[in-house]
């Protein structure tokens, strides 16, 4: 069943995909918003658009193949022209992001960091004045000794909780775990990212600092574009 939020995301994704040009290498994000973008991209490919996509998850790769979107990898392309992905939170004033609730944050950040531009597609509920509050910050951590990493996160005030599937730790595509950190607010996201990243056993954080070039927001009265 299509929800109102899905309709907003689909409209925003369709507009974002119009920025893709012939011959581009495109980073393909993960999650429901990215699914809408891949569907819109596939429709353009079917009409003759020539692109190659680098997916951020196996689910994304499978969908792209099924819809006829050609795929490539970093062995052939070190740089990506534009990445299209969603976000769990977007700070209005800075365009800093929280991502990773879907569990693919490491691959998503690798793709975003290798891209000349990152276009983020969201519905209006993802826009916030300050990151944090009701949305946890995912932190990818090594599986070996994860208990010690969780303790280190707790020691700097991150209030971590190991993500579980049933009674077992969630495991990422890279074989790591995720600690979801409950942080009331983040007045200094870049500083927080630096502190967390410095902890032994942390692989990557869900803070995407300085990576988003443009936010495409689905609203009931139309699509809003926010440029950095």
N, C-alpha and C. Protein backbone atom coordinates (compact mmCIF):
# COMPACT_ATOMS: atom_id res chain seq x y z
N UNK A 1 0.84 -1.19 0.00
CA UNK A 1 0.00 0.00 0.00
C UNK A 1 0.88 1.25 0.00
N UNK A 2 0.58 2.18 -0.84
CA UNK A 2 1.34 3.42 -0.93
C UNK A 2 0.85 4.41 0.12
N UNK A 3 1.80 4.92 0.92
CA UNK A 3 1.45 5.89 1.95
C UNK A 3 1.65 7.30 1.41
N UNK A 4 1.15 8.29 2.19
CA UNK A 4 1.36 9.67 1.79
C UNK A 4 2.84 10.01 1.74
N UNK A 5 3.60 9.51 2.71
CA UNK A 5 5.04 9.75 2.72
C UNK A 5 5.70 9.17 1.47
N UNK A 6 5.28 7.98 1.08
CA UNK A 6 5.84 7.35 -0.12
C UNK A 6 5.57 8.20 -1.36
N UNK A 7 4.40 8.77 -1.44
CA UNK A 7 4.08 9.61 -2.60
C UNK A 7 5.00 10.84 -2.65
N UNK A 8 5.28 11.41 -1.49
CA UNK A 8 6.17 12.56 -1.44
C UNK A 8 7.59 12.16 -1.83
N UNK A 9 8.05 11.02 -1.32
CA UNK A 9 9.38 10.54 -1.65
C UNK A 9 9.50 10.22 -3.14
N UNK A 10 8.46 9.62 -3.69
CA UNK A 10 8.49 9.25 -5.11
C UNK A 10 8.58 10.50 -5.99
N UNK A 11 7.84 11.54 -5.64
CA UNK A 11 7.88 12.78 -6.41
C UNK A 11 9.27 13.42 -6.33
N UNK A 12 9.84 13.44 -5.11
CA UNK A 12 11.17 14.02 -4.94
C UNK A 12 12.22 13.20 -5.68
N UNK A 13 12.11 11.88 -5.62
CA UNK A 13 13.08 11.01 -6.30
C UNK A 13 13.02 11.22 -7.81
N UNK A 14 11.81 11.36 -8.36
CA UNK A 14 11.67 11.57 -9.80
C UNK A 14 12.36 12.86 -10.23
N UNK A 15 12.23 13.91 -9.41
CA UNK A 15 12.89 15.17 -9.76
C UNK A 15 14.40 15.05 -9.64
N UNK A 16 14.88 14.37 -8.61
CA UNK A 16 16.32 14.21 -8.43
C UNK A 16 16.95 13.47 -9.61
N UNK A 17 16.27 12.45 -10.09
CA UNK A 17 16.80 11.64 -11.18
C UNK A 17 16.89 12.43 -12.48
N UNK A 18 16.13 13.50 -12.61
CA UNK A 18 16.22 14.32 -13.82
C UNK A 18 17.57 15.00 -13.96
N UNK A 19 18.36 15.01 -12.88
CA UNK A 19 19.70 15.61 -12.94
C UNK A 19 20.75 14.66 -13.51
N UNK A 20 20.39 13.41 -13.69
CA UNK A 20 21.33 12.45 -14.24
C UNK A 20 21.44 12.65 -15.74
N UNK A 21 22.68 12.73 -16.21
CA UNK A 21 22.94 12.97 -17.63
C UNK A 21 23.60 11.76 -18.28
N UNK A 22 23.50 11.72 -19.60
CA UNK A 22 24.06 10.61 -20.37
C UNK A 22 25.54 10.44 -20.07
N UNK A 23 25.96 9.19 -19.85
CA UNK A 23 27.36 8.88 -19.63
C UNK A 23 27.83 8.95 -18.20
N UNK A 24 26.94 9.30 -17.27
CA UNK A 24 27.34 9.44 -15.87
C UNK A 24 27.51 8.10 -15.16
N UNK A 25 28.39 8.11 -14.16
CA UNK A 25 28.46 7.04 -13.18
C UNK A 25 27.66 7.52 -11.97
N UNK A 26 26.71 6.69 -11.53
CA UNK A 26 25.73 7.13 -10.53
C UNK A 26 25.80 6.22 -9.31
N UNK A 27 25.95 6.83 -8.13
CA UNK A 27 25.86 6.08 -6.89
C UNK A 27 24.41 5.82 -6.54
N UNK A 28 24.08 4.57 -6.27
CA UNK A 28 22.70 4.17 -6.00
C UNK A 28 22.56 3.83 -4.52
N UNK A 29 21.78 4.63 -3.80
CA UNK A 29 21.63 4.45 -2.36
C UNK A 29 20.75 3.27 -2.00
N UNK A 30 20.48 3.15 -0.70
CA UNK A 30 19.68 2.04 -0.18
C UNK A 30 18.43 2.58 0.51
N UNK A 31 17.45 1.70 0.68
CA UNK A 31 16.23 2.09 1.38
C UNK A 31 15.09 2.41 0.43
N UNK A 32 13.94 2.77 1.02
CA UNK A 32 12.73 2.97 0.22
C UNK A 32 12.87 4.16 -0.73
N UNK A 33 13.49 5.24 -0.26
CA UNK A 33 13.64 6.41 -1.11
C UNK A 33 14.52 6.09 -2.31
N UNK A 34 15.61 5.36 -2.06
CA UNK A 34 16.50 4.98 -3.15
C UNK A 34 15.78 4.06 -4.13
N UNK A 35 14.89 3.23 -3.63
CA UNK A 35 14.10 2.36 -4.52
C UNK A 35 13.30 3.19 -5.51
N UNK A 36 12.67 4.25 -5.04
CA UNK A 36 11.91 5.12 -5.94
C UNK A 36 12.83 5.78 -6.96
N UNK A 37 14.03 6.17 -6.54
CA UNK A 37 14.98 6.79 -7.47
C UNK A 37 15.45 5.79 -8.53
N UNK A 38 15.69 4.56 -8.12
CA UNK A 38 16.13 3.54 -9.08
C UNK A 38 15.03 3.23 -10.08
N UNK A 39 13.79 3.20 -9.61
CA UNK A 39 12.67 2.97 -10.53
C UNK A 39 12.57 4.10 -11.55
N UNK A 40 12.73 5.34 -11.09
CA UNK A 40 12.67 6.48 -12.01
C UNK A 40 13.86 6.46 -12.97
N UNK A 41 15.01 6.07 -12.47
CA UNK A 41 16.20 5.98 -13.31
C UNK A 41 16.03 4.88 -14.35
N UNK A 42 15.46 3.76 -13.96
CA UNK A 42 15.24 2.66 -14.89
C UNK A 42 14.32 3.08 -16.04
N UNK A 43 13.32 3.90 -15.74
CA UNK A 43 12.42 4.38 -16.79
C UNK A 43 13.19 5.22 -17.80
N UNK A 44 14.15 6.02 -17.33
CA UNK A 44 14.95 6.83 -18.26
C UNK A 44 15.94 5.96 -19.04
N UNK A 45 16.49 4.94 -18.38
CA UNK A 45 17.39 4.01 -19.08
C UNK A 45 16.64 3.29 -20.20
N UNK A 46 15.40 2.91 -19.92
CA UNK A 46 14.59 2.23 -20.94
C UNK A 46 14.34 3.11 -22.15
N UNK A 47 14.42 4.43 -21.97
CA UNK A 47 14.23 5.37 -23.07
C UNK A 47 15.54 5.78 -23.73
N UNK A 48 16.66 5.15 -23.29
CA UNK A 48 17.92 5.40 -23.98
C UNK A 48 19.02 6.05 -23.17
N UNK A 49 18.75 6.45 -21.92
CA UNK A 49 19.80 7.05 -21.10
C UNK A 49 20.90 6.02 -20.84
N UNK A 50 22.14 6.43 -21.06
CA UNK A 50 23.29 5.54 -20.84
C UNK A 50 24.01 5.96 -19.56
N UNK A 51 23.91 5.11 -18.54
CA UNK A 51 24.60 5.38 -17.28
C UNK A 51 25.13 4.05 -16.73
N UNK A 52 25.95 4.13 -15.70
CA UNK A 52 26.37 2.94 -14.97
C UNK A 52 26.24 3.24 -13.48
N UNK A 53 25.64 2.33 -12.74
CA UNK A 53 25.39 2.57 -11.32
C UNK A 53 26.32 1.78 -10.42
N UNK A 54 26.69 2.37 -9.30
CA UNK A 54 27.43 1.67 -8.26
C UNK A 54 26.51 1.56 -7.04
N UNK A 55 26.05 0.35 -6.72
CA UNK A 55 25.06 0.18 -5.65
C UNK A 55 25.70 0.16 -4.27
N UNK A 56 24.93 0.56 -3.26
CA UNK A 56 25.42 0.59 -1.89
C UNK A 56 25.00 -0.62 -1.07
N UNK A 57 24.21 -1.51 -1.67
CA UNK A 57 23.80 -2.72 -0.96
C UNK A 57 23.45 -3.79 -1.97
N UNK A 58 23.42 -5.03 -1.50
CA UNK A 58 23.04 -6.13 -2.38
C UNK A 58 21.58 -6.01 -2.81
N UNK A 59 20.73 -5.50 -1.92
CA UNK A 59 19.33 -5.31 -2.27
C UNK A 59 19.19 -4.29 -3.39
N UNK A 60 19.95 -3.20 -3.29
CA UNK A 60 19.95 -2.18 -4.35
C UNK A 60 20.44 -2.76 -5.66
N UNK A 61 21.53 -3.52 -5.59
CA UNK A 61 22.09 -4.13 -6.80
C UNK A 61 21.08 -5.06 -7.46
N UNK A 62 20.38 -5.87 -6.66
CA UNK A 62 19.39 -6.81 -7.19
C UNK A 62 18.25 -6.07 -7.87
N UNK A 63 17.77 -4.99 -7.25
CA UNK A 63 16.68 -4.21 -7.84
C UNK A 63 17.13 -3.57 -9.15
N UNK A 64 18.32 -2.99 -9.16
CA UNK A 64 18.83 -2.34 -10.37
C UNK A 64 18.93 -3.34 -11.53
N UNK A 65 19.47 -4.51 -11.24
CA UNK A 65 19.59 -5.53 -12.29
C UNK A 65 18.21 -5.92 -12.82
N UNK A 66 17.27 -6.12 -11.90
CA UNK A 66 15.93 -6.55 -12.31
C UNK A 66 15.25 -5.50 -13.19
N UNK A 67 15.54 -4.22 -12.92
CA UNK A 67 14.91 -3.14 -13.67
C UNK A 67 15.72 -2.71 -14.89
N UNK A 68 16.87 -3.34 -15.11
CA UNK A 68 17.65 -3.04 -16.30
C UNK A 68 18.60 -1.87 -16.19
N UNK A 69 18.97 -1.49 -14.97
CA UNK A 69 19.95 -0.42 -14.77
C UNK A 69 21.35 -1.04 -14.77
N UNK A 70 22.22 -0.66 -15.72
CA UNK A 70 23.56 -1.24 -15.78
C UNK A 70 24.37 -0.90 -14.53
N UNK A 71 25.16 -1.86 -14.06
CA UNK A 71 25.97 -1.66 -12.87
C UNK A 71 27.45 -1.73 -13.18
N UNK A 72 28.23 -1.10 -12.33
CA UNK A 72 29.69 -1.14 -12.44
C UNK A 72 30.24 -1.16 -11.02
N UNK A 73 31.53 -0.91 -10.86
CA UNK A 73 32.13 -0.92 -9.53
C UNK A 73 33.36 -0.04 -9.47
N UNK A 74 33.99 0.01 -8.31
CA UNK A 74 35.14 0.88 -8.13
C UNK A 74 36.38 0.38 -8.86
N UNK A 75 36.40 -0.89 -9.24
CA UNK A 75 37.52 -1.38 -10.02
C UNK A 75 37.60 -0.68 -11.37
N UNK A 76 36.43 -0.31 -11.90
CA UNK A 76 36.38 0.36 -13.21
C UNK A 76 36.30 1.88 -13.07
N UNK A 77 35.71 2.36 -11.96
CA UNK A 77 35.49 3.81 -11.79
C UNK A 77 35.84 4.21 -10.37
N UNK A 78 36.87 5.02 -10.21
CA UNK A 78 37.24 5.48 -8.87
C UNK A 78 36.38 6.65 -8.40
N UNK A 79 35.84 7.40 -9.36
CA UNK A 79 35.01 8.54 -9.03
C UNK A 79 33.59 8.34 -9.56
N UNK A 80 32.64 8.92 -8.84
CA UNK A 80 31.22 8.86 -9.19
C UNK A 80 30.77 10.28 -9.49
N UNK A 81 30.01 10.44 -10.56
CA UNK A 81 29.53 11.78 -10.92
C UNK A 81 28.53 12.31 -9.92
N UNK A 82 27.56 11.48 -9.58
CA UNK A 82 26.53 11.92 -8.63
C UNK A 82 25.96 10.70 -7.92
N UNK A 83 25.76 10.83 -6.62
CA UNK A 83 25.09 9.78 -5.83
C UNK A 83 23.71 10.28 -5.45
N UNK A 84 22.73 9.38 -5.49
CA UNK A 84 21.37 9.71 -5.04
C UNK A 84 21.01 8.75 -3.91
N UNK A 85 20.65 9.31 -2.77
CA UNK A 85 20.35 8.48 -1.60
C UNK A 85 19.34 9.21 -0.73
N UNK A 86 18.83 8.50 0.25
CA UNK A 86 17.93 9.10 1.21
C UNK A 86 18.68 9.48 2.48
N UNK A 87 17.95 9.86 3.51
CA UNK A 87 18.55 10.19 4.80
C UNK A 87 17.50 9.99 5.88
N UNK A 88 17.97 9.71 7.09
CA UNK A 88 17.08 9.56 8.24
C UNK A 88 16.79 10.90 8.89
N UNK A 89 17.75 11.82 8.81
CA UNK A 89 17.55 13.20 9.27
C UNK A 89 18.40 14.12 8.41
N UNK A 90 17.88 15.33 8.19
CA UNK A 90 18.63 16.39 7.51
C UNK A 90 18.52 17.65 8.35
N UNK A 91 19.65 18.23 8.74
CA UNK A 91 19.63 19.49 9.47
C UNK A 91 19.46 20.63 8.47
N UNK A 92 18.38 21.41 8.62
CA UNK A 92 18.01 22.41 7.63
C UNK A 92 19.13 23.41 7.33
N UNK A 93 19.74 23.94 8.37
CA UNK A 93 20.69 25.04 8.18
C UNK A 93 22.01 24.60 7.58
N UNK A 94 22.43 23.37 7.86
CA UNK A 94 23.77 22.92 7.46
C UNK A 94 23.78 21.85 6.38
N UNK A 95 22.65 21.16 6.20
CA UNK A 95 22.51 20.00 5.31
C UNK A 95 23.36 18.82 5.77
N UNK A 96 23.72 18.79 7.06
CA UNK A 96 24.37 17.61 7.61
C UNK A 96 23.32 16.52 7.79
N UNK A 97 23.75 15.26 7.74
CA UNK A 97 22.82 14.15 7.71
C UNK A 97 23.08 13.13 8.81
N UNK A 98 22.02 12.44 9.20
CA UNK A 98 22.12 11.17 9.90
C UNK A 98 21.58 10.11 8.95
N UNK A 99 22.39 9.05 8.74
CA UNK A 99 21.99 7.93 7.90
C UNK A 99 22.37 6.64 8.61
N UNK A 100 21.82 5.53 8.11
CA UNK A 100 22.26 4.24 8.61
C UNK A 100 21.21 3.41 9.31
N UNK A 101 19.98 3.90 9.42
CA UNK A 101 18.95 3.07 10.06
C UNK A 101 18.67 1.81 9.24
N UNK A 102 18.97 1.87 7.94
CA UNK A 102 18.80 0.69 7.10
C UNK A 102 19.96 -0.28 7.18
N UNK A 103 21.05 0.11 7.82
CA UNK A 103 22.17 -0.80 8.05
C UNK A 103 23.26 -0.79 7.00
N UNK A 104 23.20 0.13 6.01
CA UNK A 104 24.20 0.14 4.93
C UNK A 104 25.09 1.38 5.00
N UNK A 105 25.25 1.95 6.19
CA UNK A 105 25.90 3.27 6.28
C UNK A 105 27.33 3.28 5.78
N UNK A 106 28.10 2.21 6.00
CA UNK A 106 29.50 2.21 5.57
C UNK A 106 29.60 2.30 4.05
N UNK A 107 28.86 1.44 3.35
CA UNK A 107 28.89 1.48 1.89
C UNK A 107 28.31 2.79 1.36
N UNK A 108 27.27 3.28 2.02
CA UNK A 108 26.69 4.55 1.59
C UNK A 108 27.69 5.69 1.73
N UNK A 109 28.47 5.67 2.81
CA UNK A 109 29.44 6.76 2.99
C UNK A 109 30.61 6.62 2.04
N UNK A 110 31.02 5.40 1.74
CA UNK A 110 32.09 5.20 0.74
C UNK A 110 31.66 5.76 -0.60
N UNK A 111 30.44 5.47 -1.01
CA UNK A 111 29.92 5.96 -2.29
C UNK A 111 29.77 7.48 -2.26
N UNK A 112 29.21 8.02 -1.17
CA UNK A 112 29.03 9.47 -1.07
C UNK A 112 30.37 10.19 -1.11
N UNK A 113 31.37 9.64 -0.43
CA UNK A 113 32.68 10.28 -0.36
C UNK A 113 33.41 10.24 -1.70
N UNK A 114 33.07 9.28 -2.54
CA UNK A 114 33.70 9.15 -3.85
C UNK A 114 32.95 9.91 -4.94
N UNK A 115 31.87 10.61 -4.55
CA UNK A 115 31.01 11.27 -5.53
C UNK A 115 31.31 12.76 -5.63
N UNK A 116 31.25 13.27 -6.84
CA UNK A 116 31.40 14.72 -7.03
C UNK A 116 30.22 15.48 -6.42
N UNK A 117 29.04 14.88 -6.47
CA UNK A 117 27.85 15.48 -5.87
C UNK A 117 27.02 14.40 -5.20
N UNK A 118 26.34 14.76 -4.11
CA UNK A 118 25.41 13.84 -3.47
C UNK A 118 24.06 14.54 -3.37
N UNK A 119 23.07 13.95 -4.02
CA UNK A 119 21.71 14.48 -3.95
C UNK A 119 20.92 13.60 -2.98
N UNK A 120 20.34 14.23 -1.99
CA UNK A 120 19.62 13.51 -0.93
C UNK A 120 18.13 13.74 -1.11
N UNK A 121 17.38 12.66 -1.17
CA UNK A 121 15.94 12.71 -1.40
C UNK A 121 15.22 12.33 -0.10
N UNK A 122 14.34 13.21 0.36
CA UNK A 122 13.59 12.96 1.59
C UNK A 122 12.17 13.50 1.48
N UNK A 123 11.31 13.05 2.38
CA UNK A 123 10.04 13.76 2.56
C UNK A 123 10.24 14.77 3.68
N UNK A 124 9.30 15.67 3.84
CA UNK A 124 9.50 16.80 4.75
C UNK A 124 9.66 16.42 6.21
N UNK A 125 9.25 15.21 6.59
CA UNK A 125 9.36 14.80 7.99
C UNK A 125 10.82 14.58 8.40
N UNK A 126 11.72 14.44 7.44
CA UNK A 126 13.13 14.18 7.76
C UNK A 126 13.93 15.46 8.03
N UNK A 127 13.32 16.62 7.77
CA UNK A 127 14.00 17.88 8.03
C UNK A 127 13.88 18.24 9.51
N UNK A 128 15.02 18.61 10.12
CA UNK A 128 15.02 18.98 11.54
C UNK A 128 15.86 20.23 11.74
N UNK A 129 15.61 20.92 12.83
CA UNK A 129 16.42 22.09 13.17
C UNK A 129 17.78 21.67 13.71
N UNK A 130 17.82 20.53 14.42
CA UNK A 130 19.07 20.02 14.96
C UNK A 130 19.02 18.50 14.96
N UNK A 131 20.11 17.88 14.58
CA UNK A 131 20.18 16.42 14.52
C UNK A 131 20.07 15.82 15.92
N UNK A 132 19.52 14.60 15.96
CA UNK A 132 19.39 13.89 17.23
C UNK A 132 17.95 13.71 17.62
N UNK A 133 17.68 13.80 18.91
CA UNK A 133 16.33 13.67 19.48
C UNK A 133 15.75 12.28 19.20
N UNK A 134 14.65 12.23 18.44
CA UNK A 134 13.91 10.97 18.27
C UNK A 134 14.59 10.00 17.31
N UNK A 135 15.59 10.44 16.55
CA UNK A 135 16.27 9.55 15.60
C UNK A 135 17.63 9.16 16.15
N UNK A 136 17.89 7.86 16.35
CA UNK A 136 19.19 7.45 16.88
C UNK A 136 20.29 7.62 15.84
N UNK A 137 21.52 7.74 16.33
CA UNK A 137 22.68 7.81 15.46
C UNK A 137 23.29 6.42 15.34
N UNK A 138 23.23 5.79 14.16
CA UNK A 138 23.86 4.48 14.00
C UNK A 138 25.38 4.62 13.92
N UNK A 139 26.07 3.73 14.61
CA UNK A 139 27.53 3.66 14.58
C UNK A 139 27.91 2.22 14.26
N UNK A 140 28.63 2.03 13.17
CA UNK A 140 29.06 0.68 12.80
C UNK A 140 30.32 0.34 13.57
N UNK A 141 30.31 -0.82 14.24
CA UNK A 141 31.42 -1.22 15.10
C UNK A 141 31.85 -2.65 14.76
N UNK A 142 33.09 -2.98 15.09
CA UNK A 142 33.58 -4.34 14.81
C UNK A 142 32.81 -5.34 15.67
N UNK A 143 32.70 -6.56 15.16
CA UNK A 143 31.99 -7.60 15.90
C UNK A 143 32.85 -8.17 17.03
N UNK A 144 34.18 -8.22 16.82
CA UNK A 144 35.07 -8.74 17.86
C UNK A 144 35.17 -7.72 19.00
N UNK A 145 34.82 -8.14 20.18
CA UNK A 145 34.91 -7.25 21.33
C UNK A 145 33.94 -6.09 21.29
N UNK A 146 32.79 -6.31 20.65
CA UNK A 146 31.84 -5.20 20.50
C UNK A 146 31.41 -4.62 21.85
N UNK A 147 31.44 -5.48 22.88
CA UNK A 147 31.05 -5.01 24.21
C UNK A 147 31.95 -3.86 24.67
N UNK A 148 33.25 -3.95 24.35
CA UNK A 148 34.17 -2.89 24.76
C UNK A 148 33.92 -1.60 24.00
N UNK A 149 33.51 -1.73 22.74
CA UNK A 149 33.23 -0.54 21.93
C UNK A 149 31.97 0.14 22.45
N UNK A 150 30.97 -0.64 22.78
CA UNK A 150 29.75 -0.08 23.34
C UNK A 150 30.06 0.66 24.65
N UNK A 151 30.94 0.09 25.47
CA UNK A 151 31.33 0.76 26.71
C UNK A 151 32.01 2.11 26.42
N UNK A 152 32.87 2.14 25.39
CA UNK A 152 33.55 3.39 25.04
C UNK A 152 32.56 4.45 24.55
N UNK A 153 31.58 4.01 23.77
CA UNK A 153 30.55 4.94 23.32
C UNK A 153 29.75 5.48 24.50
N UNK A 154 29.43 4.61 25.44
CA UNK A 154 28.68 5.05 26.62
C UNK A 154 29.50 6.05 27.43
N UNK A 155 30.81 5.86 27.47
CA UNK A 155 31.68 6.72 28.28
C UNK A 155 31.72 8.15 27.77
N UNK A 156 31.44 8.35 26.47
CA UNK A 156 31.44 9.72 25.93
C UNK A 156 30.01 10.25 25.78
N UNK A 157 29.06 9.55 26.41
CA UNK A 157 27.70 10.07 26.48
C UNK A 157 26.79 9.74 25.33
N UNK A 158 27.12 8.68 24.56
CA UNK A 158 26.33 8.38 23.36
C UNK A 158 25.13 7.47 23.62
N UNK A 159 25.01 6.92 24.82
CA UNK A 159 23.87 6.06 25.17
C UNK A 159 23.62 5.00 24.10
N UNK A 160 24.60 4.12 23.84
CA UNK A 160 24.47 3.15 22.75
C UNK A 160 23.61 1.95 23.11
N UNK A 161 22.98 1.39 22.09
CA UNK A 161 22.26 0.13 22.24
C UNK A 161 22.58 -0.74 21.03
N UNK A 162 23.09 -1.93 21.27
CA UNK A 162 23.43 -2.82 20.16
C UNK A 162 22.17 -3.18 19.40
N UNK A 163 22.21 -3.04 18.08
CA UNK A 163 21.05 -3.39 17.25
C UNK A 163 20.94 -4.91 17.16
N UNK A 164 19.75 -5.42 17.38
CA UNK A 164 19.51 -6.85 17.38
C UNK A 164 18.52 -7.24 16.30
N UNK A 165 18.63 -8.49 15.85
CA UNK A 165 17.61 -9.12 15.02
C UNK A 165 17.16 -10.34 15.81
N UNK A 166 16.00 -10.25 16.40
CA UNK A 166 15.61 -11.27 17.36
C UNK A 166 16.50 -11.13 18.59
N UNK A 167 17.19 -12.21 18.93
CA UNK A 167 18.10 -12.14 20.08
C UNK A 167 19.57 -12.15 19.67
N UNK A 168 19.81 -11.93 18.36
CA UNK A 168 21.19 -11.93 17.86
C UNK A 168 21.57 -10.55 17.32
N UNK A 169 22.86 -10.19 17.41
CA UNK A 169 23.28 -8.89 16.89
C UNK A 169 23.05 -8.78 15.38
N UNK A 170 22.56 -7.61 14.97
CA UNK A 170 22.46 -7.31 13.54
C UNK A 170 23.87 -7.30 12.95
N UNK A 171 24.02 -7.88 11.76
CA UNK A 171 25.32 -7.92 11.09
C UNK A 171 25.23 -7.23 9.75
N UNK A 172 26.13 -6.30 9.51
CA UNK A 172 26.14 -5.55 8.25
C UNK A 172 26.75 -6.40 7.14
N UNK A 173 26.70 -5.86 5.91
CA UNK A 173 27.29 -6.56 4.77
C UNK A 173 28.79 -6.75 4.95
N UNK A 174 29.42 -5.90 5.75
CA UNK A 174 30.85 -6.03 6.01
C UNK A 174 31.17 -6.90 7.19
N UNK A 175 30.16 -7.52 7.80
CA UNK A 175 30.39 -8.41 8.92
C UNK A 175 30.50 -7.69 10.26
N UNK A 176 30.09 -6.43 10.31
CA UNK A 176 30.17 -5.64 11.54
C UNK A 176 28.82 -5.57 12.23
N UNK A 177 28.80 -4.96 13.41
CA UNK A 177 27.55 -4.72 14.14
C UNK A 177 27.24 -3.22 14.12
N UNK A 178 26.05 -2.87 14.59
CA UNK A 178 25.67 -1.45 14.69
C UNK A 178 25.19 -1.15 16.10
N UNK A 179 25.73 -0.07 16.65
CA UNK A 179 25.23 0.46 17.92
C UNK A 179 24.41 1.70 17.60
N UNK A 180 23.15 1.69 17.99
CA UNK A 180 22.28 2.85 17.79
C UNK A 180 22.36 3.74 19.03
N UNK A 181 22.80 4.97 18.83
CA UNK A 181 23.09 5.87 19.95
C UNK A 181 21.96 6.90 20.12
N UNK A 182 21.41 6.95 21.31
CA UNK A 182 20.35 7.91 21.62
C UNK A 182 20.98 9.21 22.12
N UNK A 183 20.97 10.22 21.28
CA UNK A 183 21.60 11.50 21.61
C UNK A 183 20.52 12.58 21.51
N UNK A 184 20.32 13.29 22.61
CA UNK A 184 19.22 14.26 22.67
C UNK A 184 19.33 15.31 21.57
N UNK A 185 20.52 15.87 21.39
CA UNK A 185 20.73 16.79 20.28
C UNK A 185 22.23 16.88 20.01
N UNK A 186 22.56 17.32 18.82
CA UNK A 186 23.95 17.38 18.38
C UNK A 186 24.29 18.82 17.97
N UNK A 187 24.71 19.65 18.90
CA UNK A 187 25.05 21.03 18.54
C UNK A 187 26.31 21.13 17.68
N UNK A 188 27.17 20.10 17.73
CA UNK A 188 28.41 20.09 16.96
C UNK A 188 28.59 18.72 16.31
N UNK A 189 27.83 18.44 15.21
CA UNK A 189 27.91 17.12 14.58
C UNK A 189 29.32 16.74 14.13
N UNK A 190 30.07 17.69 13.58
CA UNK A 190 31.42 17.37 13.11
C UNK A 190 32.32 16.98 14.27
N UNK A 191 32.22 17.71 15.37
CA UNK A 191 33.02 17.37 16.54
C UNK A 191 32.63 16.02 17.11
N UNK A 192 31.33 15.73 17.13
CA UNK A 192 30.86 14.43 17.63
C UNK A 192 31.37 13.31 16.74
N UNK A 193 31.31 13.51 15.43
CA UNK A 193 31.82 12.48 14.53
C UNK A 193 33.29 12.20 14.79
N UNK A 194 34.07 13.25 15.00
CA UNK A 194 35.50 13.08 15.26
C UNK A 194 35.74 12.30 16.55
N UNK A 195 34.98 12.61 17.60
CA UNK A 195 35.15 11.91 18.87
C UNK A 195 34.79 10.44 18.77
N UNK A 196 33.67 10.16 18.08
CA UNK A 196 33.25 8.76 17.94
C UNK A 196 34.24 7.99 17.06
N UNK A 197 34.64 8.59 15.95
CA UNK A 197 35.54 7.91 15.01
C UNK A 197 36.89 7.59 15.63
N UNK A 198 37.29 8.35 16.65
CA UNK A 198 38.59 8.13 17.30
C UNK A 198 38.58 6.93 18.24
N UNK A 199 37.40 6.39 18.55
CA UNK A 199 37.31 5.26 19.47
C UNK A 199 37.77 3.97 18.79
N UNK A 200 38.58 3.20 19.48
CA UNK A 200 39.04 1.91 18.96
C UNK A 200 37.83 0.98 18.78
N UNK A 201 37.72 0.40 17.60
CA UNK A 201 36.62 -0.52 17.31
C UNK A 201 35.48 0.08 16.54
N UNK A 202 35.48 1.41 16.39
CA UNK A 202 34.46 2.06 15.56
C UNK A 202 34.90 2.00 14.10
N UNK A 203 34.02 1.51 13.25
CA UNK A 203 34.30 1.42 11.82
C UNK A 203 33.88 2.70 11.10
N UNK A 204 32.65 3.17 11.37
CA UNK A 204 32.13 4.36 10.71
C UNK A 204 30.91 4.87 11.49
N UNK A 205 30.62 6.14 11.33
CA UNK A 205 29.43 6.71 11.97
C UNK A 205 28.39 7.05 10.91
N UNK A 206 27.15 7.20 11.36
CA UNK A 206 26.07 7.59 10.47
C UNK A 206 25.96 9.08 10.27
N UNK A 207 26.93 9.85 10.76
CA UNK A 207 26.95 11.29 10.50
C UNK A 207 27.63 11.54 9.16
N UNK A 208 26.91 12.16 8.25
CA UNK A 208 27.45 12.50 6.93
C UNK A 208 27.68 14.01 6.92
N UNK A 209 28.93 14.40 7.14
CA UNK A 209 29.28 15.80 7.33
C UNK A 209 29.86 16.36 6.03
N UNK A 210 29.24 17.42 5.53
CA UNK A 210 29.76 18.10 4.34
C UNK A 210 29.65 17.31 3.05
N UNK A 211 28.81 16.28 3.03
CA UNK A 211 28.72 15.42 1.85
C UNK A 211 27.53 15.74 0.95
N UNK A 212 26.43 16.20 1.53
CA UNK A 212 25.23 16.48 0.73
C UNK A 212 25.40 17.77 -0.05
N UNK A 213 25.20 17.70 -1.36
CA UNK A 213 25.26 18.89 -2.22
C UNK A 213 23.90 19.55 -2.35
N UNK A 214 22.87 18.72 -2.29
CA UNK A 214 21.51 19.21 -2.55
C UNK A 214 20.53 18.29 -1.84
N UNK A 215 19.49 18.90 -1.27
CA UNK A 215 18.40 18.13 -0.67
C UNK A 215 17.15 18.35 -1.50
N UNK A 216 16.52 17.28 -1.93
CA UNK A 216 15.27 17.36 -2.68
C UNK A 216 14.17 16.85 -1.74
N UNK A 217 13.27 17.76 -1.38
CA UNK A 217 12.28 17.48 -0.34
C UNK A 217 10.88 17.34 -0.95
N UNK A 218 10.26 16.21 -0.69
CA UNK A 218 8.88 16.02 -1.11
C UNK A 218 7.93 16.63 -0.10
N UNK A 219 7.10 17.57 -0.54
CA UNK A 219 6.11 18.21 0.31
C UNK A 219 4.72 18.04 -0.31
N UNK A 220 3.66 18.12 0.47
CA UNK A 220 2.32 17.97 -0.08
C UNK A 220 2.00 18.96 -1.19
N UNK A 221 2.62 20.16 -1.12
CA UNK A 221 2.33 21.17 -2.14
C UNK A 221 3.39 21.24 -3.24
N UNK A 222 4.26 20.22 -3.30
CA UNK A 222 5.27 20.19 -4.35
C UNK A 222 6.64 19.82 -3.82
N UNK A 223 7.63 19.88 -4.71
CA UNK A 223 8.99 19.47 -4.37
C UNK A 223 9.84 20.73 -4.12
N UNK A 224 10.55 20.74 -2.99
CA UNK A 224 11.45 21.84 -2.66
C UNK A 224 12.89 21.36 -2.83
N UNK A 225 13.73 22.23 -3.40
CA UNK A 225 15.16 21.91 -3.58
C UNK A 225 15.97 22.87 -2.71
N UNK A 226 16.83 22.29 -1.87
CA UNK A 226 17.70 23.09 -1.01
C UNK A 226 19.14 22.81 -1.41
N UNK A 227 19.84 23.83 -1.89
CA UNK A 227 21.23 23.68 -2.30
C UNK A 227 22.16 24.08 -1.16
N UNK A 228 23.32 23.42 -1.11
CA UNK A 228 24.32 23.80 -0.14
C UNK A 228 24.89 25.15 -0.50
